[in-house]
Amino acid sequence: MNKSVLIYSDFNDVVEESVTLLEKSGYIVFSAGNFNGAIDLITSADYEYFLVDDTVDATTLKYLISESRRCQPDAAVITFNAVESILTRFRHSKA
């Protein structure tokens, strides 16, 4: 598995800021700002982490996580509440 991340948020500014942070940190980033885009990437991309903004509604969040686990069972699923917390959450997920 490579150093790749799939990120989803309903807010384009969160997606853009996250992509910038992760790319500067050396990650390959796939991003989606809408549900259909997220599903397309979940089923087609090879990623090590699936990051989901925790403002995503609970039903959507549950569905996206279940699809990610179905398609990429070894990928870590991480929710985040601020872009600044993403790298910290990565460190905790590896511990």
PDB file of N, CA and C in Angstrom:
ATOM      1  N   MET A   1       0.865  -1.192   0.000  1.00  0.00           N
ATOM      2  CA  MET A   1       0.000   0.000   0.000  1.00  0.00           C
ATOM      3  C   MET A   1       0.901   1.243   0.000  1.00  0.00           C
ATOM      4  N   ASN A   2       0.515   2.245  -0.734  1.00  0.00           N
ATOM      5  CA  ASN A   2       1.292   3.465  -0.824  1.00  0.00           C
ATOM      6  C   ASN A   2       0.854   4.465   0.239  1.00  0.00           C
ATOM      7  N   LYS A   3       1.481   5.600   0.253  1.00  0.00           N
ATOM      8  CA  LYS A   3       1.173   6.654   1.222  1.00  0.00           C
ATOM      9  C   LYS A   3       0.063   7.530   0.624  1.00  0.00           C
ATOM     10  N   SER A   4      -1.139   6.961   0.553  1.00  0.00           N
ATOM     11  CA  SER A   4      -2.227   7.661  -0.120  1.00  0.00           C
ATOM     12  C   SER A   4      -3.442   7.829   0.784  1.00  0.00           C
ATOM     13  N   VAL A   5      -4.175   8.886   0.490  1.00  0.00           N
ATOM     14  CA  VAL A   5      -5.301   9.295   1.321  1.00  0.00           C
ATOM     15  C   VAL A   5      -6.487   9.648   0.437  1.00  0.00           C
ATOM     16  N   LEU A   6      -7.657   9.215   0.864  1.00  0.00           N
ATOM     17  CA  LEU A   6      -8.915   9.650   0.262  1.00  0.00           C
ATOM     18  C   LEU A   6      -9.591  10.537   1.291  1.00  0.00           C
ATOM     19  N   ILE A   7      -9.973  11.720   0.894  1.00  0.00           N
ATOM     20  CA  ILE A   7     -10.595  12.659   1.828  1.00  0.00           C
ATOM     21  C   ILE A   7     -11.948  13.112   1.299  1.00  0.00           C
ATOM     22  N   TYR A   8     -12.899  13.212   2.214  1.00  0.00           N
ATOM     23  CA  TYR A   8     -14.247  13.647   1.847  1.00  0.00           C
ATOM     24  C   TYR A   8     -14.774  14.660   2.855  1.00  0.00           C
ATOM     25  N   SER A   9     -15.332  15.728   2.325  1.00  0.00           N
ATOM     26  CA  SER A   9     -16.047  16.725   3.105  1.00  0.00           C
ATOM     27  C   SER A   9     -17.096  17.355   2.198  1.00  0.00           C
ATOM     28  N   ASP A  10     -18.167  17.817   2.821  1.00  0.00           N
ATOM     29  CA  ASP A  10     -19.188  18.537   2.063  1.00  0.00           C
ATOM     30  C   ASP A  10     -18.751  19.961   1.742  1.00  0.00           C
ATOM     31  N   PHE A  11     -17.660  20.399   2.355  1.00  0.00           N
ATOM     32  CA  PHE A  11     -17.205  21.782   2.211  1.00  0.00           C
ATOM     33  C   PHE A  11     -15.939  21.837   1.370  1.00  0.00           C
ATOM     34  N   ASN A  12     -16.017  22.498   0.220  1.00  0.00           N
ATOM     35  CA  ASN A  12     -14.877  22.558  -0.696  1.00  0.00           C
ATOM     36  C   ASN A  12     -13.651  23.203  -0.072  1.00  0.00           C
ATOM     37  N   ASP A  13     -13.842  24.218   0.792  1.00  0.00           N
ATOM     38  CA  ASP A  13     -12.677  24.853   1.407  1.00  0.00           C
ATOM     39  C   ASP A  13     -11.939  23.887   2.328  1.00  0.00           C
ATOM     40  N   VAL A  14     -12.673  23.018   3.018  1.00  0.00           N
ATOM     41  CA  VAL A  14     -12.053  22.004   3.876  1.00  0.00           C
ATOM     42  C   VAL A  14     -11.279  21.007   3.014  1.00  0.00           C
ATOM     43  N   VAL A  15     -11.872  20.586   1.916  1.00  0.00           N
ATOM     44  CA  VAL A  15     -11.201  19.658   1.002  1.00  0.00           C
ATOM     45  C   VAL A  15      -9.913  20.291   0.472  1.00  0.00           C
ATOM     46  N   GLU A  16      -9.996  21.510  -0.025  1.00  0.00           N
ATOM     47  CA  GLU A  16      -8.833  22.173  -0.610  1.00  0.00           C
ATOM     48  C   GLU A  16      -7.713  22.363   0.411  1.00  0.00           C
ATOM     49  N   GLU A  17      -8.057  22.815   1.606  1.00  0.00           N
ATOM     50  CA  GLU A  17      -7.058  23.025   2.652  1.00  0.00           C
ATOM     51  C   GLU A  17      -6.422  21.693   3.068  1.00  0.00           C
ATOM     52  N   SER A  18      -7.224  20.653   3.164  1.00  0.00           N
ATOM     53  CA  SER A  18      -6.721  19.329   3.540  1.00  0.00           C
ATOM     54  C   SER A  18      -5.782  18.775   2.479  1.00  0.00           C
ATOM     55  N   VAL A  19      -6.167  18.910   1.225  1.00  0.00           N
ATOM     56  CA  VAL A  19      -5.327  18.433   0.127  1.00  0.00           C
ATOM     57  C   VAL A  19      -3.969  19.117   0.168  1.00  0.00           C
ATOM     58  N   THR A  20      -3.966  20.421   0.351  1.00  0.00           N
ATOM     59  CA  THR A  20      -2.715  21.177   0.409  1.00  0.00           C
ATOM     60  C   THR A  20      -1.829  20.675   1.549  1.00  0.00           C
ATOM     61  N   LEU A  21      -2.401  20.532   2.740  1.00  0.00           N
ATOM     62  CA  LEU A  21      -1.649  20.059   3.903  1.00  0.00           C
ATOM     63  C   LEU A  21      -1.066  18.672   3.661  1.00  0.00           C
ATOM     64  N   LEU A  22      -1.880  17.775   3.153  1.00  0.00           N
ATOM     65  CA  LEU A  22      -1.440  16.392   2.967  1.00  0.00           C
ATOM     66  C   LEU A  22      -0.396  16.265   1.859  1.00  0.00           C
ATOM     67  N   GLU A  23      -0.580  16.987   0.764  1.00  0.00           N
ATOM     68  CA  GLU A  23       0.406  16.934  -0.314  1.00  0.00           C
ATOM     69  C   GLU A  23       1.749  17.495   0.149  1.00  0.00           C
ATOM     70  N   LYS A  24       1.723  18.561   0.938  1.00  0.00           N
ATOM     71  CA  LYS A  24       2.967  19.114   1.479  1.00  0.00           C
ATOM     72  C   LYS A  24       3.649  18.133   2.422  1.00  0.00           C
ATOM     73  N   SER A  25       2.880  17.238   3.005  1.00  0.00           N
ATOM     74  CA  SER A  25       3.416  16.235   3.928  1.00  0.00           C
ATOM     75  C   SER A  25       3.810  14.951   3.210  1.00  0.00           C
ATOM     76  N   GLY A  26       3.704  14.948   1.880  1.00  0.00           N
ATOM     77  CA  GLY A  26       4.178  13.816   1.088  1.00  0.00           C
ATOM     78  C   GLY A  26       3.150  12.756   0.753  1.00  0.00           C
ATOM     79  N   TYR A  27       1.880  13.032   0.991  1.00  0.00           N
ATOM     80  CA  TYR A  27       0.832  12.060   0.686  1.00  0.00           C
ATOM     81  C   TYR A  27       0.312  12.231  -0.730  1.00  0.00           C
ATOM     82  N   ILE A  28      -0.112  11.141  -1.330  1.00  0.00           N
ATOM     83  CA  ILE A  28      -0.873  11.161  -2.581  1.00  0.00           C
ATOM     84  C   ILE A  28      -2.324  11.297  -2.150  1.00  0.00           C
ATOM     85  N   VAL A  29      -3.031  12.295  -2.685  1.00  0.00           N
ATOM     86  CA  VAL A  29      -4.366  12.613  -2.178  1.00  0.00           C
ATOM     87  C   VAL A  29      -5.418  12.494  -3.274  1.00  0.00           C
ATOM     88  N   PHE A  30      -6.475  11.755  -2.948  1.00  0.00           N
ATOM     89  CA  PHE A  30      -7.696  11.707  -3.750  1.00  0.00           C
ATOM     90  C   PHE A  30      -8.730  12.463  -2.934  1.00  0.00           C
ATOM     91  N   SER A  31      -9.499  13.333  -3.566  1.00  0.00           N
ATOM     92  CA  SER A  31     -10.460  14.113  -2.786  1.00  0.00           C
ATOM     93  C   SER A  31     -11.811  14.184  -3.477  1.00  0.00           C
ATOM     94  N   ALA A  32     -12.834  14.313  -2.630  1.00  0.00           N
ATOM     95  CA  ALA A  32     -14.197  14.442  -3.142  1.00  0.00           C
ATOM     96  C   ALA A  32     -14.935  15.481  -2.310  1.00  0.00           C
ATOM     97  N   GLY A  33     -15.680  16.307  -3.004  1.00  0.00           N
ATOM     98  CA  GLY A  33     -16.490  17.324  -2.341  1.00  0.00           C
ATOM     99  C   GLY A  33     -17.975  17.043  -2.453  1.00  0.00           C
ATOM    100  N   ASN A  34     -18.298  15.856  -2.991  1.00  0.00           N
ATOM    101  CA  ASN A  34     -19.706  15.453  -3.045  1.00  0.00           C
ATOM    102  C   ASN A  34     -19.800  13.934  -2.890  1.00  0.00           C
ATOM    103  N   PHE A  35     -20.983  13.470  -2.528  1.00  0.00           N
ATOM    104  CA  PHE A  35     -21.209  12.071  -2.218  1.00  0.00           C
ATOM    105  C   PHE A  35     -20.862  11.149  -3.385  1.00  0.00           C
ATOM    106  N   ASN A  36     -21.348  11.452  -4.575  1.00  0.00           N
ATOM    107  CA  ASN A  36     -21.094  10.582  -5.729  1.00  0.00           C
ATOM    108  C   ASN A  36     -19.611  10.491  -6.056  1.00  0.00           C
ATOM    109  N   GLY A  37     -18.907  11.607  -5.928  1.00  0.00           N
ATOM    110  CA  GLY A  37     -17.466  11.596  -6.139  1.00  0.00           C
ATOM    111  C   GLY A  37     -16.757  10.721  -5.124  1.00  0.00           C
ATOM    112  N   ALA A  38     -17.225  10.777  -3.883  1.00  0.00           N
ATOM    113  CA  ALA A  38     -16.629   9.948  -2.831  1.00  0.00           C
ATOM    114  C   ALA A  38     -16.841   8.467  -3.132  1.00  0.00           C
ATOM    115  N   ILE A  39     -18.050   8.103  -3.526  1.00  0.00           N
ATOM    116  CA  ILE A  39     -18.342   6.695  -3.848  1.00  0.00           C
ATOM    117  C   ILE A  39     -17.483   6.229  -5.022  1.00  0.00           C
ATOM    118  N   ASP A  40     -17.362   7.057  -6.050  1.00  0.00           N
ATOM    119  CA  ASP A  40     -16.520   6.690  -7.201  1.00  0.00           C
ATOM    120  C   ASP A  40     -15.084   6.420  -6.765  1.00  0.00           C
ATOM    121  N   LEU A  41     -14.540   7.280  -5.912  1.00  0.00           N
ATOM    122  CA  LEU A  41     -13.160   7.099  -5.462  1.00  0.00           C
ATOM    123  C   LEU A  41     -13.015   5.911  -4.516  1.00  0.00           C
ATOM    124  N   ILE A  42     -13.981   5.713  -3.651  1.00  0.00           N
ATOM    125  CA  ILE A  42     -13.935   4.566  -2.737  1.00  0.00           C
ATOM    126  C   ILE A  42     -13.834   3.264  -3.523  1.00  0.00           C
ATOM    127  N   THR A  43     -14.582   3.187  -4.622  1.00  0.00           N
ATOM    128  CA  THR A  43     -14.609   1.940  -5.392  1.00  0.00           C
ATOM    129  C   THR A  43     -13.471   1.814  -6.402  1.00  0.00           C
ATOM    130  N   SER A  44     -12.752   2.905  -6.688  1.00  0.00           N
ATOM    131  CA  SER A  44     -11.735   2.825  -7.735  1.00  0.00           C
ATOM    132  C   SER A  44     -10.311   3.154  -7.281  1.00  0.00           C
ATOM    133  N   ALA A  45     -10.155   3.903  -6.215  1.00  0.00           N
ATOM    134  CA  ALA A  45      -8.817   4.337  -5.797  1.00  0.00           C
ATOM    135  C   ALA A  45      -8.189   3.341  -4.829  1.00  0.00           C
ATOM    136  N   ASP A  46      -6.872   3.346  -4.783  1.00  0.00           N
ATOM    137  CA  ASP A  46      -6.113   2.541  -3.825  1.00  0.00           C
ATOM    138  C   ASP A  46      -5.590   3.514  -2.766  1.00  0.00           C
ATOM    139  N   TYR A  47      -6.100   3.410  -1.543  1.00  0.00           N
ATOM    140  CA  TYR A  47      -5.730   4.360  -0.492  1.00  0.00           C
ATOM    141  C   TYR A  47      -5.473   3.639   0.824  1.00  0.00           C
ATOM    142  N   GLU A  48      -4.621   4.267   1.633  1.00  0.00           N
ATOM    143  CA  GLU A  48      -4.255   3.732   2.942  1.00  0.00           C
ATOM    144  C   GLU A  48      -5.131   4.321   4.048  1.00  0.00           C
ATOM    145  N   TYR A  49      -5.581   5.549   3.842  1.00  0.00           N
ATOM    146  CA  TYR A  49      -6.423   6.248   4.814  1.00  0.00           C
ATOM    147  C   TYR A  49      -7.660   6.814   4.125  1.00  0.00           C
ATOM    148  N   PHE A  50      -8.784   6.738   4.815  1.00  0.00           N
ATOM    149  CA  PHE A  50      -9.996   7.405   4.360  1.00  0.00           C
ATOM    150  C   PHE A  50     -10.363   8.412   5.440  1.00  0.00           C
ATOM    151  N   LEU A  51     -10.236   9.682   5.094  1.00  0.00           N
ATOM    152  CA  LEU A  51     -10.539  10.766   6.031  1.00  0.00           C
ATOM    153  C   LEU A  51     -11.899  11.344   5.709  1.00  0.00           C
ATOM    154  N   VAL A  52     -12.717  11.484   6.744  1.00  0.00           N
ATOM    155  CA  VAL A  52     -14.060  12.018   6.562  1.00  0.00           C
ATOM    156  C   VAL A  52     -14.286  13.139   7.570  1.00  0.00           C
ATOM    157  N   ASP A  53     -14.715  14.278   7.070  1.00  0.00           N
ATOM    158  CA  ASP A  53     -15.074  15.409   7.923  1.00  0.00           C
ATOM    159  C   ASP A  53     -16.223  14.976   8.832  1.00  0.00           C
ATOM    160  N   ASP A  54     -16.085  15.193  10.145  1.00  0.00           N
ATOM    161  CA  ASP A  54     -17.132  14.706  11.047  1.00  0.00           C
ATOM    162  C   ASP A  54     -18.397  15.552  11.035  1.00  0.00           C
ATOM    163  N   THR A  55     -18.462  16.548  10.157  1.00  0.00           N
ATOM    164  CA  THR A  55     -19.716  17.290   9.987  1.00  0.00           C
ATOM    165  C   THR A  55     -20.644  16.605   8.984  1.00  0.00           C
ATOM    166  N   VAL A  56     -20.136  15.555   8.320  1.00  0.00           N
ATOM    167  CA  VAL A  56     -20.968  14.786   7.386  1.00  0.00           C
ATOM    168  C   VAL A  56     -22.090  14.121   8.178  1.00  0.00           C
ATOM    169  N   ASP A  57     -23.298  14.158   7.658  1.00  0.00           N
ATOM    170  CA  ASP A  57     -24.437  13.600   8.408  1.00  0.00           C
ATOM    171  C   ASP A  57     -24.245  12.111   8.694  1.00  0.00           C
ATOM    172  N   ALA A  58     -24.791  11.665   9.805  1.00  0.00           N
ATOM    173  CA  ALA A  58     -24.532  10.330  10.351  1.00  0.00           C
ATOM    174  C   ALA A  58     -24.869   9.201   9.367  1.00  0.00           C
ATOM    175  N   THR A  59     -25.975   9.318   8.662  1.00  0.00           N
ATOM    176  CA  THR A  59     -26.371   8.267   7.721  1.00  0.00           C
ATOM    177  C   THR A  59     -25.374   8.170   6.574  1.00  0.00           C
ATOM    178  N   THR A  60     -24.981   9.302   6.035  1.00  0.00           N
ATOM    179  CA  THR A  60     -23.998   9.337   4.953  1.00  0.00           C
ATOM    180  C   THR A  60     -22.659   8.808   5.441  1.00  0.00           C
ATOM    181  N   LEU A  61     -22.247   9.248   6.620  1.00  0.00           N
ATOM    182  CA  LEU A  61     -20.987   8.812   7.202  1.00  0.00           C
ATOM    183  C   LEU A  61     -20.950   7.289   7.353  1.00  0.00           C
ATOM    184  N   LYS A  62     -22.006   6.731   7.889  1.00  0.00           N
ATOM    185  CA  LYS A  62     -22.078   5.277   8.092  1.00  0.00           C
ATOM    186  C   LYS A  62     -21.986   4.535   6.750  1.00  0.00           C
ATOM    187  N   TYR A  63     -22.678   5.032   5.748  1.00  0.00           N
ATOM    188  CA  TYR A  63     -22.643   4.388   4.429  1.00  0.00           C
ATOM    189  C   TYR A  63     -21.246   4.468   3.809  1.00  0.00           C
ATOM    190  N   LEU A  64     -20.632   5.652   3.859  1.00  0.00           N
ATOM    191  CA  LEU A  64     -19.299   5.817   3.284  1.00  0.00           C
ATOM    192  C   LEU A  64     -18.282   4.912   3.973  1.00  0.00           C
ATOM    193  N   ILE A  65     -18.368   4.822   5.286  1.00  0.00           N
ATOM    194  CA  ILE A  65     -17.437   3.969   6.026  1.00  0.00           C
ATOM    195  C   ILE A  65     -17.649   2.501   5.660  1.00  0.00           C
ATOM    196  N   SER A  66     -18.896   2.076   5.566  1.00  0.00           N
ATOM    197  CA  SER A  66     -19.149   0.669   5.218  1.00  0.00           C
ATOM    198  C   SER A  66     -18.658   0.360   3.808  1.00  0.00           C
ATOM    199  N   GLU A  67     -18.831   1.276   2.876  1.00  0.00           N
ATOM    200  CA  GLU A  67     -18.327   1.063   1.516  1.00  0.00           C
ATOM    201  C   GLU A  67     -16.805   1.032   1.488  1.00  0.00           C
ATOM    202  N   SER A  68     -16.183   1.910   2.254  1.00  0.00           N
ATOM    203  CA  SER A  68     -14.722   1.920   2.317  1.00  0.00           C
ATOM    204  C   SER A  68     -14.207   0.606   2.885  1.00  0.00           C
ATOM    205  N   ARG A  69     -14.823   0.125   3.928  1.00  0.00           N
ATOM    206  CA  ARG A  69     -14.386  -1.151   4.528  1.00  0.00           C
ATOM    207  C   ARG A  69     -14.627  -2.320   3.587  1.00  0.00           C
ATOM    208  N   ARG A  70     -15.687  -2.242   2.795  1.00  0.00           N
ATOM    209  CA  ARG A  70     -15.965  -3.301   1.827  1.00  0.00           C
ATOM    210  C   ARG A  70     -14.918  -3.311   0.712  1.00  0.00           C
ATOM    211  N   CYS A  71     -14.576  -2.119   0.209  1.00  0.00           N
ATOM    212  CA  CYS A  71     -13.667  -2.013  -0.938  1.00  0.00           C
ATOM    213  C   CYS A  71     -12.184  -2.026  -0.542  1.00  0.00           C
ATOM    214  N   GLN A  72     -11.874  -1.447   0.593  1.00  0.00           N
ATOM    215  CA  GLN A  72     -10.482  -1.348   1.072  1.00  0.00           C
ATOM    216  C   GLN A  72     -10.447  -1.751   2.544  1.00  0.00           C
ATOM    217  N   PRO A  73     -10.590  -3.023   2.855  1.00  0.00           N
ATOM    218  CA  PRO A  73     -10.714  -3.457   4.253  1.00  0.00           C
ATOM    219  C   PRO A  73      -9.525  -3.105   5.142  1.00  0.00           C
ATOM    220  N   ASP A  74      -8.349  -2.904   4.564  1.00  0.00           N
ATOM    221  CA  ASP A  74      -7.174  -2.576   5.374  1.00  0.00           C
ATOM    222  C   ASP A  74      -6.955  -1.085   5.564  1.00  0.00           C
ATOM    223  N   ALA A  75      -7.738  -0.255   4.886  1.00  0.00           N
ATOM    224  CA  ALA A  75      -7.579   1.196   5.003  1.00  0.00           C
ATOM    225  C   ALA A  75      -8.122   1.681   6.342  1.00  0.00           C
ATOM    226  N   ALA A  76      -7.361   2.549   6.986  1.00  0.00           N
ATOM    227  CA  ALA A  76      -7.823   3.166   8.228  1.00  0.00           C
ATOM    228  C   ALA A  76      -8.871   4.217   7.891  1.00  0.00           C
ATOM    229  N   VAL A  77      -9.951   4.248   8.651  1.00  0.00           N
ATOM    230  CA  VAL A  77     -10.987   5.262   8.490  1.00  0.00           C
ATOM    231  C   VAL A  77     -10.853   6.230   9.653  1.00  0.00           C
ATOM    232  N   ILE A  78     -10.683   7.508   9.335  1.00  0.00           N
ATOM    233  CA  ILE A  78     -10.441   8.518  10.356  1.00  0.00           C
ATOM    234  C   ILE A  78     -11.382   9.683  10.130  1.00  0.00           C
ATOM    235  N   THR A  79     -12.119  10.067  11.180  1.00  0.00           N
ATOM    236  CA  THR A  79     -12.920  11.285  11.090  1.00  0.00           C
ATOM    237  C   THR A  79     -12.103  12.425  11.688  1.00  0.00           C
ATOM    238  N   PHE A  80     -12.359  13.615  11.191  1.00  0.00           N
ATOM    239  CA  PHE A  80     -11.634  14.774  11.704  1.00  0.00           C
ATOM    240  C   PHE A  80     -12.580  15.947  11.838  1.00  0.00           C
ATOM    241  N   ASN A  81     -12.264  16.843  12.778  1.00  0.00           N
ATOM    242  CA  ASN A  81     -13.114  18.009  12.992  1.00  0.00           C
ATOM    243  C   ASN A  81     -12.414  19.313  12.645  1.00  0.00           C
ATOM    244  N   ALA A  82     -11.142  19.222  12.307  1.00  0.00           N
ATOM    245  CA  ALA A  82     -10.394  20.400  11.877  1.00  0.00           C
ATOM    246  C   ALA A  82      -9.227  19.938  11.018  1.00  0.00           C
ATOM    247  N   VAL A  83      -8.936  20.677   9.996  1.00  0.00           N
ATOM    248  CA  VAL A  83      -7.839  20.317   9.097  1.00  0.00           C
ATOM    249  C   VAL A  83      -6.541  20.174   9.883  1.00  0.00           C
ATOM    250  N   GLU A  84      -6.350  21.056  10.856  1.00  0.00           N
ATOM    251  CA  GLU A  84      -5.123  21.052  11.644  1.00  0.00           C
ATOM    252  C   GLU A  84      -4.929  19.750  12.423  1.00  0.00           C
ATOM    253  N   SER A  85      -5.993  19.008  12.654  1.00  0.00           N
ATOM    254  CA  SER A  85      -5.902  17.777  13.454  1.00  0.00           C
ATOM    255  C   SER A  85      -5.589  16.532  12.628  1.00  0.00           C
ATOM    256  N   ILE A  86      -5.550  16.651  11.321  1.00  0.00           N
ATOM    257  CA  ILE A  86      -5.401  15.471  10.464  1.00  0.00           C
ATOM    258  C   ILE A  86      -4.104  14.722  10.735  1.00  0.00           C
ATOM    259  N   LEU A  87      -2.974  15.400  10.725  1.00  0.00           N
ATOM    260  CA  LEU A  87      -1.701  14.707  10.904  1.00  0.00           C
ATOM    261  C   LEU A  87      -1.592  14.093  12.297  1.00  0.00           C
ATOM    262  N   THR A  88      -2.150  14.740  13.305  1.00  0.00           N
ATOM    263  CA  THR A  88      -2.180  14.172  14.659  1.00  0.00           C
ATOM    264  C   THR A  88      -3.001  12.896  14.664  1.00  0.00           C
ATOM    265  N   ARG A  89      -4.127  12.897  14.000  1.00  0.00           N
ATOM    266  CA  ARG A  89      -4.966  11.700  13.935  1.00  0.00           C
ATOM    267  C   ARG A  89      -4.249  10.565  13.210  1.00  0.00           C
ATOM    268  N   PHE A  90      -3.440  10.878  12.201  1.00  0.00           N
ATOM    269  CA  PHE A  90      -2.648   9.849  11.530  1.00  0.00           C
ATOM    270  C   PHE A  90      -1.700   9.189  12.528  1.00  0.00           C
ATOM    271  N   ARG A  91      -0.999  10.008  13.310  1.00  0.00           N
ATOM    272  CA  ARG A  91      -0.045   9.461  14.281  1.00  0.00           C
ATOM    273  C   ARG A  91      -0.757   8.547  15.275  1.00  0.00           C
ATOM    274  N   HIS A  92      -1.942   8.940  15.733  1.00  0.00           N
ATOM    275  CA  HIS A  92      -2.690   8.122  16.687  1.00  0.00           C
ATOM    276  C   HIS A  92      -3.202   6.837  16.052  1.00  0.00           C
ATOM    277  N   SER A  93      -3.546   6.876  14.777  1.00  0.00           N
ATOM    278  CA  SER A  93      -4.067   5.665  14.125  1.00  0.00           C
ATOM    279  C   SER A  93      -2.979   4.625  13.918  1.00  0.00           C
ATOM    280  N   LYS A  94      -1.732   5.054  13.861  1.00  0.00           N
ATOM    281  CA  LYS A  94      -0.618   4.131  13.662  1.00  0.00           C
ATOM    282  C   LYS A  94      -0.136   3.527  14.973  1.00  0.00           C
ATOM    283  N   ALA A  95      -0.523   4.132  16.091  1.00  0.00           N
ATOM    284  CA  ALA A  95      -0.033   3.669  17.408  1.00  0.00           C
ATOM    285  C   ALA A  95      -0.656   2.356  17.817  1.00  0.00           C
TER     286      ALA A  95
END
